[in-house]
Amino acid sequence: MMESPPVAAPREGYWADVLAHDPVMARQGDTWYLFVTGPGITVYSSRDMETWKAETPVFPEIPAWAYDIVPRFNGHVWAPDISFHDGTWYLYYSISSGGSNASAIGVATNTTLDPADPGYRWVDHGIVLRSVPHRDLWNAIDANLVEDDDGAPWLAFGSFWGGLKLVKLREDRLGLAEPQVWHTLARRERPALLDDADPGPGAVEAPFVFRRDGWYYLFVSYDHCCRGAKSDYRIMVGRSRTLAGPYLDRDGRRMDQGGATEVLRGTARWPGPGHNSAYTFDGRDWLVFHAYDTGDGGRPKLKVLPLAWDAEGWPVVDQSGLDR
C-alpha cells in the first residue's frame, strides 16, 4: 500500500465514503476543506463535514526538487498540514518513500482555499528541512505547525528512528529560525546497535498538537499504518503546560521516555485508526483521522468523530463511532 497506494476514482458530486490517508481540515467561510496524502496532495470540500466533493490537487506537477531528495518518490505527497496566519494559508507537506529517512518537509502558501476565487494559487516555497540517512536519526515527515504562548511558530514532525521532534521556525514560517532550537517530544525504545538508516521498532509518528484549557495535548500514532486490514495504528496522547514539554501521559510517564495514553484503537470492521488531527468548530471538538475499511479491501477512509473530555481533562473518543 505504501509503494503503490490506492487512488480515488474520479466521481461527481458529494460523497460520505471518502478515500483518505493522513487527513487534515480547515474551514474558510461556510466551507470545510480536507487535504490528504495523494498525487499532488488530494483535496476535498464540504458544506457539512459529512459529504465531500473532490477538488483539483494542490500541485498539478510535483515540485521539481522532490526527485533529487527522494529518488524512489512515487508522486504521492504525504501528510499535509494546513494552518492560517496573517491572511495566508500555509500547507506543509512531506516528500519521502517507505522505510527511509531520505525525506523532506516543504511548504506552499495561498491567500484562499476556494478554487473559484480569482486569487487562488498555490506557491511552493520548497524545502523547510530535510533528513539524510546516516546523518540524522530522525525522519523529516508528518509536519504540524503549532504556535507557542507568545505566538511564535514551531514545527512538530517525525516518524520512527529517534522519535518526534519540535523545531522553531522563522517568523515568515518558511524556514528554520537561527540559531536553531530543537526538542524531542516523544519516542519509543530503539536498539542501540541498530544501523542508523533502519527505522527500527520505535513505531511513533504523526504528531498533532491541540491546545485546550492551558494544556498542550500531543496526539501521536503508535504502531503501523499502510498495511490495509492488517494495520495496527492507534491514537495516543500526552499533555504539557508548555509546548516544548515534557509531555506526560495519564500515569505521569514522559512521552520522550516511552509513555503515552491510548485514545482510540481499531475495531474488526475498521482497524488502524491513526494520523489524526483535531479541531474546534462552533464550540465542538472533533478528531479527524483515517482508518482501514475491511469491507473495501482495507482501503484507507476518512473518519470524523466527536472529541470529548473527561473530568480530569483527558480526551475521550467513543470507539463505537468507528462502526457507525
C-alpha atoms as a PDB file:
ATOM      1  CA  MET A   1       0.000   0.000   0.000  1.00  0.00           C
ATOM      2  CA  MET A   2       2.894   2.404   0.661  1.00  0.00           C
ATOM      3  CA  GLU A   3       4.713   1.652  -2.578  1.00  0.00           C
ATOM      4  CA  SER A   4       1.546   1.583  -4.706  1.00  0.00           C
ATOM      5  CA  PRO A   5      -1.155   3.397  -2.701  1.00  0.00           C
ATOM      6  CA  PRO A   6      -4.793   3.439  -3.787  1.00  0.00           C
ATOM      7  CA  VAL A   7      -6.082   6.457  -5.689  1.00  0.00           C
ATOM      8  CA  ALA A   8      -9.682   7.651  -5.574  1.00  0.00           C
ATOM      9  CA  ALA A   9     -11.582   7.091  -8.808  1.00  0.00           C
ATOM     10  CA  PRO A  10     -13.000  10.292 -10.359  1.00  0.00           C
ATOM     11  CA  ARG A  11     -16.643  10.868  -9.462  1.00  0.00           C
ATOM     12  CA  GLU A  12     -19.061  13.767  -9.443  1.00  0.00           C
ATOM     13  CA  GLY A  13     -20.931  15.264  -6.527  1.00  0.00           C
ATOM     14  CA  TYR A  14     -20.620  14.828  -2.773  1.00  0.00           C
ATOM     15  CA  TRP A  15     -19.810  11.525  -1.060  1.00  0.00           C
ATOM     16  CA  ALA A  16     -19.601  10.334   2.548  1.00  0.00           C
ATOM     17  CA  ASP A  17     -17.356   7.400   1.639  1.00  0.00           C
ATOM     18  CA  VAL A  18     -14.038   9.225   1.100  1.00  0.00           C
ATOM     19  CA  LEU A  19     -10.682   7.649   0.329  1.00  0.00           C
ATOM     20  CA  ALA A  20      -8.268   9.472   2.615  1.00  0.00           C
ATOM     21  CA  HIS A  21      -4.877   8.981   4.227  1.00  0.00           C
ATOM     22  CA  ASP A  22      -3.377  11.410   6.777  1.00  0.00           C
ATOM     23  CA  PRO A  23      -6.291  13.900   6.675  1.00  0.00           C
ATOM     24  CA  VAL A  24      -6.194  17.497   7.898  1.00  0.00           C
ATOM     25  CA  MET A  25      -9.015  20.006   7.760  1.00  0.00           C
ATOM     26  CA  ALA A  26      -9.644  23.753   7.660  1.00  0.00           C
ATOM     27  CA  ARG A  27     -12.707  25.960   7.337  1.00  0.00           C
ATOM     28  CA  GLN A  28     -12.938  29.085   5.239  1.00  0.00           C
ATOM     29  CA  GLY A  29     -16.320  30.808   5.335  1.00  0.00           C
ATOM     30  CA  ASP A  30     -19.040  28.170   5.199  1.00  0.00           C
ATOM     31  CA  THR A  31     -16.866  25.521   3.544  1.00  0.00           C
ATOM     32  CA  TRP A  32     -14.579  22.887   5.036  1.00  0.00           C
ATOM     33  CA  TYR A  33     -11.520  21.789   3.079  1.00  0.00           C
ATOM     34  CA  LEU A  34      -9.801  18.452   3.517  1.00  0.00           C
ATOM     35  CA  PHE A  35      -6.183  17.826   2.490  1.00  0.00           C
ATOM     36  CA  VAL A  36      -4.884  14.256   2.337  1.00  0.00           C
ATOM     37  CA  THR A  37      -1.902  12.249   1.110  1.00  0.00           C
ATOM     38  CA  GLY A  38      -2.132  11.648  -2.624  1.00  0.00           C
ATOM     39  CA  PRO A  39      -0.787  12.598  -6.046  1.00  0.00           C
ATOM     40  CA  GLY A  40      -0.015  16.311  -5.754  1.00  0.00           C
ATOM     41  CA  ILE A  41      -1.967  16.389  -2.423  1.00  0.00           C
ATOM     42  CA  THR A  42      -5.603  15.361  -2.725  1.00  0.00           C
ATOM     43  CA  VAL A  43      -8.223  17.992  -1.814  1.00  0.00           C
ATOM     44  CA  TYR A  44     -11.930  17.719  -0.923  1.00  0.00           C
ATOM     45  CA  SER A  45     -14.517  20.328   0.053  1.00  0.00           C
ATOM     46  CA  SER A  46     -17.695  20.057   2.121  1.00  0.00           C
ATOM     47  CA  ARG A  47     -20.561  22.198   3.376  1.00  0.00           C
ATOM     48  CA  ASP A  48     -21.434  19.895   6.281  1.00  0.00           C
ATOM     49  CA  MET A  49     -18.293  17.907   7.263  1.00  0.00           C
ATOM     50  CA  GLU A  50     -20.183  14.737   6.300  1.00  0.00           C
ATOM     51  CA  THR A  51     -20.179  14.578   2.496  1.00  0.00           C
ATOM     52  CA  TRP A  52     -17.232  15.665   0.376  1.00  0.00           C
ATOM     53  CA  LYS A  53     -16.554  16.750  -3.197  1.00  0.00           C
ATOM     54  CA  ALA A  54     -13.224  16.168  -4.935  1.00  0.00           C
ATOM     55  CA  GLU A  55     -11.303  19.311  -5.886  1.00  0.00           C
ATOM     56  CA  THR A  56      -8.216  19.813  -8.046  1.00  0.00           C
ATOM     57  CA  PRO A  57      -4.999  18.634  -6.333  1.00  0.00           C
ATOM     58  CA  VAL A  58      -2.696  21.270  -4.834  1.00  0.00           C
ATOM     59  CA  PHE A  59       0.181  20.550  -7.215  1.00  0.00           C
ATOM     60  CA  PRO A  60      -0.622  19.970 -10.904  1.00  0.00           C
ATOM     61  CA  GLU A  61       3.047  19.000 -11.185  1.00  0.00           C
ATOM     62  CA  ILE A  62       5.214  17.565  -8.404  1.00  0.00           C
ATOM     63  CA  PRO A  63       7.824  20.084  -7.154  1.00  0.00           C
ATOM     64  CA  ALA A  64      10.926  19.575  -9.279  1.00  0.00           C
ATOM     65  CA  TRP A  65      13.235  19.172  -6.295  1.00  0.00           C
ATOM     66  CA  ALA A  66      11.341  16.150  -4.917  1.00  0.00           C
ATOM     67  CA  TYR A  67      13.085  13.529  -7.029  1.00  0.00           C
ATOM     68  CA  ASP A  68      16.534  14.911  -6.205  1.00  0.00           C
ATOM     69  CA  ILE A  69      15.853  14.409  -2.484  1.00  0.00           C
ATOM     70  CA  VAL A  70      13.950  11.120  -2.769  1.00  0.00           C
ATOM     71  CA  PRO A  71      14.921   9.091  -5.872  1.00  0.00           C
ATOM     72  CA  ARG A  72      12.241   6.477  -5.030  1.00  0.00           C
ATOM     73  CA  PHE A  73       9.492   9.090  -4.722  1.00  0.00           C
ATOM     74  CA  ASN A  74       6.270   7.792  -6.316  1.00  0.00           C
ATOM     75  CA  GLY A  75       4.416  11.088  -6.760  1.00  0.00           C
ATOM     76  CA  HIS A  76       2.205  10.725  -3.685  1.00  0.00           C
ATOM     77  CA  VAL A  77       2.827  13.752  -1.492  1.00  0.00           C
ATOM     78  CA  TRP A  78       2.460  12.720   2.144  1.00  0.00           C
ATOM     79  CA  ALA A  79       0.936  14.090   5.312  1.00  0.00           C
ATOM     80  CA  PRO A  80      -0.202  17.660   4.591  1.00  0.00           C
ATOM     81  CA  ASP A  81      -0.750  20.159   7.403  1.00  0.00           C
ATOM     82  CA  ILE A  82      -2.876  23.285   6.908  1.00  0.00           C
ATOM     83  CA  SER A  83      -2.779  26.470   9.007  1.00  0.00           C
ATOM     84  CA  PHE A  84      -3.701  30.148   8.655  1.00  0.00           C
ATOM     85  CA  HIS A  85      -1.708  33.204   9.698  1.00  0.00           C
ATOM     86  CA  ASP A  86      -1.984  36.900   8.853  1.00  0.00           C
ATOM     87  CA  GLY A  87      -4.010  36.448   5.662  1.00  0.00           C
ATOM     88  CA  THR A  88      -2.070  33.463   4.333  1.00  0.00           C
ATOM     89  CA  TRP A  89      -2.700  29.716   4.331  1.00  0.00           C
ATOM     90  CA  TYR A  90       0.377  27.564   4.942  1.00  0.00           C
ATOM     91  CA  LEU A  91       0.393  23.988   3.665  1.00  0.00           C
ATOM     92  CA  TYR A  92       3.302  21.852   4.888  1.00  0.00           C
ATOM     93  CA  TYR A  93       3.859  18.521   3.146  1.00  0.00           C
ATOM     94  CA  SER A  94       6.275  15.581   3.107  1.00  0.00           C
ATOM     95  CA  ILE A  95       8.334  14.014   0.339  1.00  0.00           C
ATOM     96  CA  SER A  96       9.546  10.523   1.249  1.00  0.00           C
ATOM     97  CA  SER A  97       9.363   6.813   0.489  1.00  0.00           C
ATOM     98  CA  GLY A  98       8.599   3.788   2.645  1.00  0.00           C
ATOM     99  CA  GLY A  99      11.143   2.766   5.276  1.00  0.00           C
ATOM    100  CA  SER A 100      13.660   5.525   4.501  1.00  0.00           C
ATOM    101  CA  ASN A 101      14.552   8.807   6.188  1.00  0.00           C
ATOM    102  CA  ALA A 102      15.769  10.318   2.930  1.00  0.00           C
ATOM    103  CA  SER A 103      12.910  12.784   3.350  1.00  0.00           C
ATOM    104  CA  ALA A 104      11.986  16.448   3.273  1.00  0.00           C
ATOM    105  CA  ILE A 105       9.230  18.729   4.507  1.00  0.00           C
ATOM    106  CA  GLY A 106       8.209  21.524   2.156  1.00  0.00           C
ATOM    107  CA  VAL A 107       5.681  24.359   2.361  1.00  0.00           C
ATOM    108  CA  ALA A 108       3.321  26.050  -0.070  1.00  0.00           C
ATOM    109  CA  THR A 109       1.156  29.123   0.507  1.00  0.00           C
ATOM    110  CA  ASN A 110      -2.112  30.529  -0.783  1.00  0.00           C
ATOM    111  CA  THR A 111      -4.311  33.507   0.099  1.00  0.00           C
ATOM    112  CA  THR A 112      -7.507  31.441  -0.226  1.00  0.00           C
ATOM    113  CA  LEU A 113      -8.694  27.842  -0.144  1.00  0.00           C
ATOM    114  CA  ASP A 114     -11.568  28.490  -2.547  1.00  0.00           C
ATOM    115  CA  PRO A 115     -10.642  27.186  -6.029  1.00  0.00           C
ATOM    116  CA  ALA A 116     -13.254  29.537  -7.551  1.00  0.00           C
ATOM    117  CA  ASP A 117     -11.539  32.634  -6.133  1.00  0.00           C
ATOM    118  CA  PRO A 118      -9.568  34.558  -8.807  1.00  0.00           C
ATOM    119  CA  GLY A 119      -6.672  34.827  -6.336  1.00  0.00           C
ATOM    120  CA  TYR A 120      -6.435  31.067  -5.815  1.00  0.00           C
ATOM    121  CA  ARG A 121      -2.860  29.935  -6.473  1.00  0.00           C
ATOM    122  CA  TRP A 122      -0.567  27.643  -4.513  1.00  0.00           C
ATOM    123  CA  VAL A 123       3.013  28.929  -4.410  1.00  0.00           C
ATOM    124  CA  ASP A 124       5.657  26.362  -3.466  1.00  0.00           C
ATOM    125  CA  HIS A 125       8.495  27.685  -1.284  1.00  0.00           C
ATOM    126  CA  GLY A 126      10.459  24.459  -1.345  1.00  0.00           C
ATOM    127  CA  ILE A 127      12.230  22.672   1.491  1.00  0.00           C
ATOM    128  CA  VAL A 128      11.815  23.713   5.119  1.00  0.00           C
ATOM    129  CA  LEU A 129      14.023  20.894   6.447  1.00  0.00           C
ATOM    130  CA  ARG A 130      15.287  17.525   5.279  1.00  0.00           C
ATOM    131  CA  SER A 131      16.694  14.359   6.828  1.00  0.00           C
ATOM    132  CA  VAL A 132      19.567  12.334   5.411  1.00  0.00           C
ATOM    133  CA  PRO A 133      20.304   8.643   6.158  1.00  0.00           C
ATOM    134  CA  HIS A 134      23.345   8.121   8.412  1.00  0.00           C
ATOM    135  CA  ARG A 135      23.407  11.853   9.162  1.00  0.00           C
ATOM    136  CA  ASP A 136      20.099  12.283  11.008  1.00  0.00           C
ATOM    137  CA  LEU A 137      18.457   9.922  13.478  1.00  0.00           C
ATOM    138  CA  TRP A 138      15.033  11.361  12.730  1.00  0.00           C
ATOM    139  CA  ASN A 139      12.694  11.493   9.743  1.00  0.00           C
ATOM    140  CA  ALA A 140      11.523  14.757   8.146  1.00  0.00           C
ATOM    141  CA  ILE A 141       7.876  13.833   7.572  1.00  0.00           C
ATOM    142  CA  ASP A 142       4.470  14.362   9.225  1.00  0.00           C
ATOM    143  CA  ALA A 143       4.712  18.103   9.927  1.00  0.00           C
ATOM    144  CA  ASN A 144       2.347  20.007  12.219  1.00  0.00           C
ATOM    145  CA  LEU A 145       2.560  23.790  12.643  1.00  0.00           C
ATOM    146  CA  VAL A 146       1.863  24.985  16.183  1.00  0.00           C
ATOM    147  CA  GLU A 147       2.239  28.350  17.925  1.00  0.00           C
ATOM    148  CA  ASP A 148       3.608  28.755  21.440  1.00  0.00           C
ATOM    149  CA  ASP A 149       2.192  31.056  24.131  1.00  0.00           C
ATOM    150  CA  ASP A 150       3.944  34.024  22.516  1.00  0.00           C
ATOM    151  CA  GLY A 151       2.626  33.272  19.035  1.00  0.00           C
ATOM    152  CA  ALA A 152       5.988  32.058  17.722  1.00  0.00           C
ATOM    153  CA  PRO A 153       5.719  29.285  15.076  1.00  0.00           C
ATOM    154  CA  TRP A 154       7.173  25.818  15.652  1.00  0.00           C
ATOM    155  CA  LEU A 155       7.056  22.648  13.599  1.00  0.00           C
ATOM    156  CA  ALA A 156       6.394  19.263  15.212  1.00  0.00           C
ATOM    157  CA  PHE A 157       7.276  16.325  12.989  1.00  0.00           C
ATOM    158  CA  GLY A 158       8.813  12.871  12.808  1.00  0.00           C
ATOM    159  CA  SER A 159       8.384   9.138  12.371  1.00  0.00           C
ATOM    160  CA  PHE A 160      10.202   6.139  13.935  1.00  0.00           C
ATOM    161  CA  TRP A 161      14.017   6.494  14.352  1.00  0.00           C
ATOM    162  CA  GLY A 162      14.777   8.777  17.318  1.00  0.00           C
ATOM    163  CA  GLY A 163      11.186   9.888  17.690  1.00  0.00           C
ATOM    164  CA  LEU A 164       9.205  13.081  17.225  1.00  0.00           C
ATOM    165  CA  LYS A 165      10.909  16.461  17.134  1.00  0.00           C
ATOM    166  CA  LEU A 166       9.979  20.114  17.581  1.00  0.00           C
ATOM    167  CA  VAL A 167      11.926  22.871  15.833  1.00  0.00           C
ATOM    168  CA  LYS A 168      11.400  26.625  15.860  1.00  0.00           C
ATOM    169  CA  LEU A 169      10.550  28.371  12.578  1.00  0.00           C
ATOM    170  CA  ARG A 170      11.358  31.839  11.298  1.00  0.00           C
ATOM    171  CA  GLU A 171       8.650  34.472  11.619  1.00  0.00           C
ATOM    172  CA  ASP A 172       7.789  34.006   7.933  1.00  0.00           C
ATOM    173  CA  ARG A 173       7.187  30.283   8.627  1.00  0.00           C
ATOM    174  CA  LEU A 174       9.122  29.262   5.519  1.00  0.00           C
ATOM    175  CA  GLY A 175      12.334  28.047   7.137  1.00  0.00           C
ATOM    176  CA  LEU A 176      14.103  27.286  10.414  1.00  0.00           C
ATOM    177  CA  ALA A 177      14.860  30.025  12.918  1.00  0.00           C
ATOM    178  CA  GLU A 178      18.529  30.734  13.600  1.00  0.00           C
ATOM    179  CA  PRO A 179      20.125  29.872  15.896  1.00  0.00           C
ATOM    180  CA  GLN A 180      18.215  26.626  15.663  1.00  0.00           C
ATOM    181  CA  VAL A 181      16.149  25.442  18.636  1.00  0.00           C
ATOM    182  CA  TRP A 182      15.212  21.734  18.828  1.00  0.00           C
ATOM    183  CA  HIS A 183      13.361  19.498  21.292  1.00  0.00           C
ATOM    184  CA  THR A 184      12.377  15.822  21.397  1.00  0.00           C
ATOM    185  CA  LEU A 185       8.639  15.402  22.044  1.00  0.00           C
ATOM    186  CA  ALA A 186       8.106  11.632  22.034  1.00  0.00           C
ATOM    187  CA  ARG A 187       9.970   8.435  21.260  1.00  0.00           C
ATOM    188  CA  ARG A 188       9.898   4.706  21.829  1.00  0.00           C
ATOM    189  CA  GLU A 189      12.751   2.359  22.610  1.00  0.00           C
ATOM    190  CA  ARG A 190      15.324   1.802  19.858  1.00  0.00           C
ATOM    191  CA  PRO A 191      18.108  -0.826  19.961  1.00  0.00           C
ATOM    192  CA  ALA A 192      21.477   0.875  20.429  1.00  0.00           C
ATOM    193  CA  LEU A 193      23.307  -1.204  17.804  1.00  0.00           C
ATOM    194  CA  LEU A 194      20.738  -0.762  15.041  1.00  0.00           C
ATOM    195  CA  ASP A 195      22.002   0.758  11.785  1.00  0.00           C
ATOM    196  CA  ASP A 196      21.098   4.449  11.695  1.00  0.00           C
ATOM    197  CA  ALA A 197      19.395   4.072   8.302  1.00  0.00           C
ATOM    198  CA  ASP A 198      16.978   1.469   9.710  1.00  0.00           C
ATOM    199  CA  PRO A 199      13.680   2.880  11.080  1.00  0.00           C
ATOM    200  CA  GLY A 200      13.745   0.271  13.834  1.00  0.00           C
ATOM    201  CA  PRO A 201      10.875  -0.838  16.068  1.00  0.00           C
ATOM    202  CA  GLY A 202      10.152   2.564  17.663  1.00  0.00           C
ATOM    203  CA  ALA A 203       6.795   2.969  15.935  1.00  0.00           C
ATOM    204  CA  VAL A 204       5.635   6.508  16.746  1.00  0.00           C
ATOM    205  CA  GLU A 205       4.761   9.197  14.206  1.00  0.00           C
ATOM    206  CA  ALA A 206       2.291  11.860  13.059  1.00  0.00           C
ATOM    207  CA  PRO A 207       2.396  14.428  15.895  1.00  0.00           C
ATOM    208  CA  PHE A 208      -0.508  16.840  16.205  1.00  0.00           C
ATOM    209  CA  VAL A 209      -0.640  19.437  18.989  1.00  0.00           C
ATOM    210  CA  PHE A 210      -4.044  20.660  20.196  1.00  0.00           C
ATOM    211  CA  ARG A 211      -4.431  23.452  22.760  1.00  0.00           C
ATOM    212  CA  ARG A 212      -7.186  23.381  25.375  1.00  0.00           C
ATOM    213  CA  ASP A 213      -7.655  24.948  28.826  1.00  0.00           C
ATOM    214  CA  GLY A 214      -3.997  25.866  29.278  1.00  0.00           C
ATOM    215  CA  TRP A 215      -2.713  22.481  28.129  1.00  0.00           C
ATOM    216  CA  TYR A 216      -0.861  21.412  25.019  1.00  0.00           C
ATOM    217  CA  TYR A 217      -2.114  17.943  24.035  1.00  0.00           C
ATOM    218  CA  LEU A 218       0.297  15.931  21.888  1.00  0.00           C
ATOM    219  CA  PHE A 219      -1.566  13.360  19.791  1.00  0.00           C
ATOM    220  CA  VAL A 220       0.601  10.717  18.099  1.00  0.00           C
ATOM    221  CA  SER A 221       0.131   7.459  16.221  1.00  0.00           C
ATOM    222  CA  TYR A 222       1.654   4.261  17.561  1.00  0.00           C
ATOM    223  CA  ASP A 223       2.453   1.108  15.583  1.00  0.00           C
ATOM    224  CA  HIS A 224       1.899   0.610  11.850  1.00  0.00           C
ATOM    225  CA  CYS A 225      -0.112   2.237   9.096  1.00  0.00           C
ATOM    226  CA  CYS A 226      -0.343   1.367   5.433  1.00  0.00           C
ATOM    227  CA  ARG A 227      -0.962  -2.385   5.782  1.00  0.00           C
ATOM    228  CA  GLY A 228      -4.641  -2.297   4.886  1.00  0.00           C
ATOM    229  CA  ALA A 229      -6.707  -4.620   7.083  1.00  0.00           C
ATOM    230  CA  LYS A 230      -3.504  -5.671   8.884  1.00  0.00           C
ATOM    231  CA  SER A 231      -2.738  -2.112  10.050  1.00  0.00           C
ATOM    232  CA  ASP A 232      -2.456  -1.777  13.820  1.00  0.00           C
ATOM    233  CA  TYR A 233      -2.215   2.007  14.095  1.00  0.00           C
ATOM    234  CA  ARG A 234      -3.708   3.500  17.257  1.00  0.00           C
ATOM    235  CA  ILE A 235      -4.001   7.067  18.533  1.00  0.00           C
ATOM    236  CA  MET A 236      -2.140   8.035  21.714  1.00  0.00           C
ATOM    237  CA  VAL A 237      -1.797  11.262  23.717  1.00  0.00           C
ATOM    238  CA  GLY A 238       0.077  13.106  26.433  1.00  0.00           C
ATOM    239  CA  ARG A 239      -0.054  16.692  27.650  1.00  0.00           C
ATOM    240  CA  SER A 240       2.132  19.530  28.880  1.00  0.00           C
ATOM    241  CA  ARG A 241       1.722  23.078  30.174  1.00  0.00           C
ATOM    242  CA  THR A 242       4.462  24.197  27.762  1.00  0.00           C
ATOM    243  CA  LEU A 243       4.853  23.495  24.088  1.00  0.00           C
ATOM    244  CA  ALA A 244       8.356  22.061  24.424  1.00  0.00           C
ATOM    245  CA  GLY A 245       7.239  19.593  27.080  1.00  0.00           C
ATOM    246  CA  PRO A 246       7.903  17.273  28.707  1.00  0.00           C
ATOM    247  CA  TYR A 247       4.598  15.676  27.751  1.00  0.00           C
ATOM    248  CA  LEU A 248       3.204  13.267  30.343  1.00  0.00           C
ATOM    249  CA  ASP A 249       0.605  10.552  29.938  1.00  0.00           C
ATOM    250  CA  ARG A 250      -2.274   9.916  32.353  1.00  0.00           C
ATOM    251  CA  ASP A 251       0.064   7.922  34.644  1.00  0.00           C
ATOM    252  CA  GLY A 252       2.750  10.614  34.712  1.00  0.00           C
ATOM    253  CA  ARG A 253       5.160   8.901  32.305  1.00  0.00           C
ATOM    254  CA  ARG A 254       7.103  11.108  29.912  1.00  0.00           C
ATOM    255  CA  MET A 255       6.363  10.640  26.216  1.00  0.00           C
ATOM    256  CA  ASP A 256      10.036  11.178  25.385  1.00  0.00           C
ATOM    257  CA  GLN A 257      10.720   8.122  27.548  1.00  0.00           C
ATOM    258  CA  GLY A 258       8.051   5.868  26.009  1.00  0.00           C
ATOM    259  CA  GLY A 259       4.936   6.994  27.870  1.00  0.00           C
ATOM    260  CA  ALA A 260       1.571   7.633  26.190  1.00  0.00           C
ATOM    261  CA  THR A 261      -2.135   7.147  26.910  1.00  0.00           C
ATOM    262  CA  GLU A 262      -4.345   5.416  24.366  1.00  0.00           C
ATOM    263  CA  VAL A 263      -7.189   7.453  22.872  1.00  0.00           C
ATOM    264  CA  LEU A 264      -8.505   5.148  20.155  1.00  0.00           C
ATOM    265  CA  ARG A 265      -7.743   1.737  18.686  1.00  0.00           C
ATOM    266  CA  GLY A 266      -9.433  -0.043  15.799  1.00  0.00           C
ATOM    267  CA  THR A 267     -12.295  -2.491  15.543  1.00  0.00           C
ATOM    268  CA  ALA A 268     -12.600  -5.621  13.416  1.00  0.00           C
ATOM    269  CA  ARG A 269     -14.502  -3.568  10.831  1.00  0.00           C
ATOM    270  CA  TRP A 270     -12.228  -0.510  10.995  1.00  0.00           C
ATOM    271  CA  PRO A 271      -8.662  -1.385  12.052  1.00  0.00           C
ATOM    272  CA  GLY A 272      -5.731   1.004  12.233  1.00  0.00           C
ATOM    273  CA  PRO A 273      -7.165   4.418  13.151  1.00  0.00           C
ATOM    274  CA  GLY A 274      -4.384   6.978  13.118  1.00  0.00           C
ATOM    275  CA  HIS A 275      -2.586  10.018  11.758  1.00  0.00           C
ATOM    276  CA  ASN A 276      -5.151  12.252  13.389  1.00  0.00           C
ATOM    277  CA  SER A 277      -5.723  15.967  13.541  1.00  0.00           C
ATOM    278  CA  ALA A 278      -8.062  17.798  15.951  1.00  0.00           C
ATOM    279  CA  TYR A 279     -10.158  20.957  15.645  1.00  0.00           C
ATOM    280  CA  THR A 280     -12.768  23.116  17.320  1.00  0.00           C
ATOM    281  CA  PHE A 281     -15.647  24.236  15.104  1.00  0.00           C
ATOM    282  CA  ASP A 282     -18.563  26.234  16.534  1.00  0.00           C
ATOM    283  CA  GLY A 283     -17.674  25.250  20.096  1.00  0.00           C
ATOM    284  CA  ARG A 284     -17.411  21.499  19.413  1.00  0.00           C
ATOM    285  CA  ASP A 285     -14.185  19.486  19.240  1.00  0.00           C
ATOM    286  CA  TRP A 286     -13.555  16.915  16.526  1.00  0.00           C
ATOM    287  CA  LEU A 287     -10.999  14.192  15.872  1.00  0.00           C
ATOM    288  CA  VAL A 288     -10.154  13.723  12.184  1.00  0.00           C
ATOM    289  CA  PHE A 289      -8.222  10.624  11.099  1.00  0.00           C
ATOM    290  CA  HIS A 290      -8.149   7.675   8.748  1.00  0.00           C
ATOM    291  CA  ALA A 291      -8.959   4.014   9.359  1.00  0.00           C
ATOM    292  CA  TYR A 292      -8.879   0.998   7.065  1.00  0.00           C
ATOM    293  CA  ASP A 293     -12.087  -0.329   5.556  1.00  0.00           C
ATOM    294  CA  THR A 294     -12.151  -4.130   5.720  1.00  0.00           C
ATOM    295  CA  GLY A 295     -15.348  -4.007   3.670  1.00  0.00           C
ATOM    296  CA  ASP A 296     -13.442  -2.391   0.809  1.00  0.00           C
ATOM    297  CA  GLY A 297     -10.161  -4.261   0.581  1.00  0.00           C
ATOM    298  CA  GLY A 298      -8.568  -2.454   3.530  1.00  0.00           C
ATOM    299  CA  ARG A 299      -8.532   0.924   1.774  1.00  0.00           C
ATOM    300  CA  PRO A 300      -7.979   3.996   3.996  1.00  0.00           C
ATOM    301  CA  LYS A 301     -11.108   6.073   4.606  1.00  0.00           C
ATOM    302  CA  LEU A 302     -11.884   9.382   6.282  1.00  0.00           C
ATOM    303  CA  LYS A 303     -13.281   9.327   9.810  1.00  0.00           C
ATOM    304  CA  VAL A 304     -14.542  12.370  11.750  1.00  0.00           C
ATOM    305  CA  LEU A 305     -15.683  11.696  15.336  1.00  0.00           C
ATOM    306  CA  PRO A 306     -16.671  13.940  18.259  1.00  0.00           C
ATOM    307  CA  LEU A 307     -13.830  14.596  20.683  1.00  0.00           C
ATOM    308  CA  ALA A 308     -14.959  14.726  24.322  1.00  0.00           C
ATOM    309  CA  TRP A 309     -13.048  15.295  27.574  1.00  0.00           C
ATOM    310  CA  ASP A 310     -13.280  13.524  30.919  1.00  0.00           C
ATOM    311  CA  ALA A 311     -13.364  15.153  34.350  1.00  0.00           C
ATOM    312  CA  GLU A 312      -9.552  15.223  34.514  1.00  0.00           C
ATOM    313  CA  GLY A 313      -9.213  16.857  31.128  1.00  0.00           C
ATOM    314  CA  TRP A 314      -8.170  13.832  29.064  1.00  0.00           C
ATOM    315  CA  PRO A 315      -9.546  13.294  25.542  1.00  0.00           C
ATOM    316  CA  VAL A 316     -12.248  10.665  25.059  1.00  0.00           C
ATOM    317  CA  VAL A 317     -13.447   9.207  21.756  1.00  0.00           C
ATOM    318  CA  ASP A 318     -16.278   6.679  21.506  1.00  0.00           C
ATOM    319  CA  GLN A 319     -14.810   3.643  19.731  1.00  0.00           C
ATOM    320  CA  SER A 320     -18.288   2.530  18.638  1.00  0.00           C
ATOM    321  CA  GLY A 321     -18.367   5.604  16.411  1.00  0.00           C
ATOM    322  CA  LEU A 322     -15.946   3.818  14.086  1.00  0.00           C
ATOM    323  CA  ASP A 323     -18.611   1.272  13.170  1.00  0.00           C
ATOM    324  CA  ARG A 324     -21.442   3.728  12.637  1.00  0.00           C
END
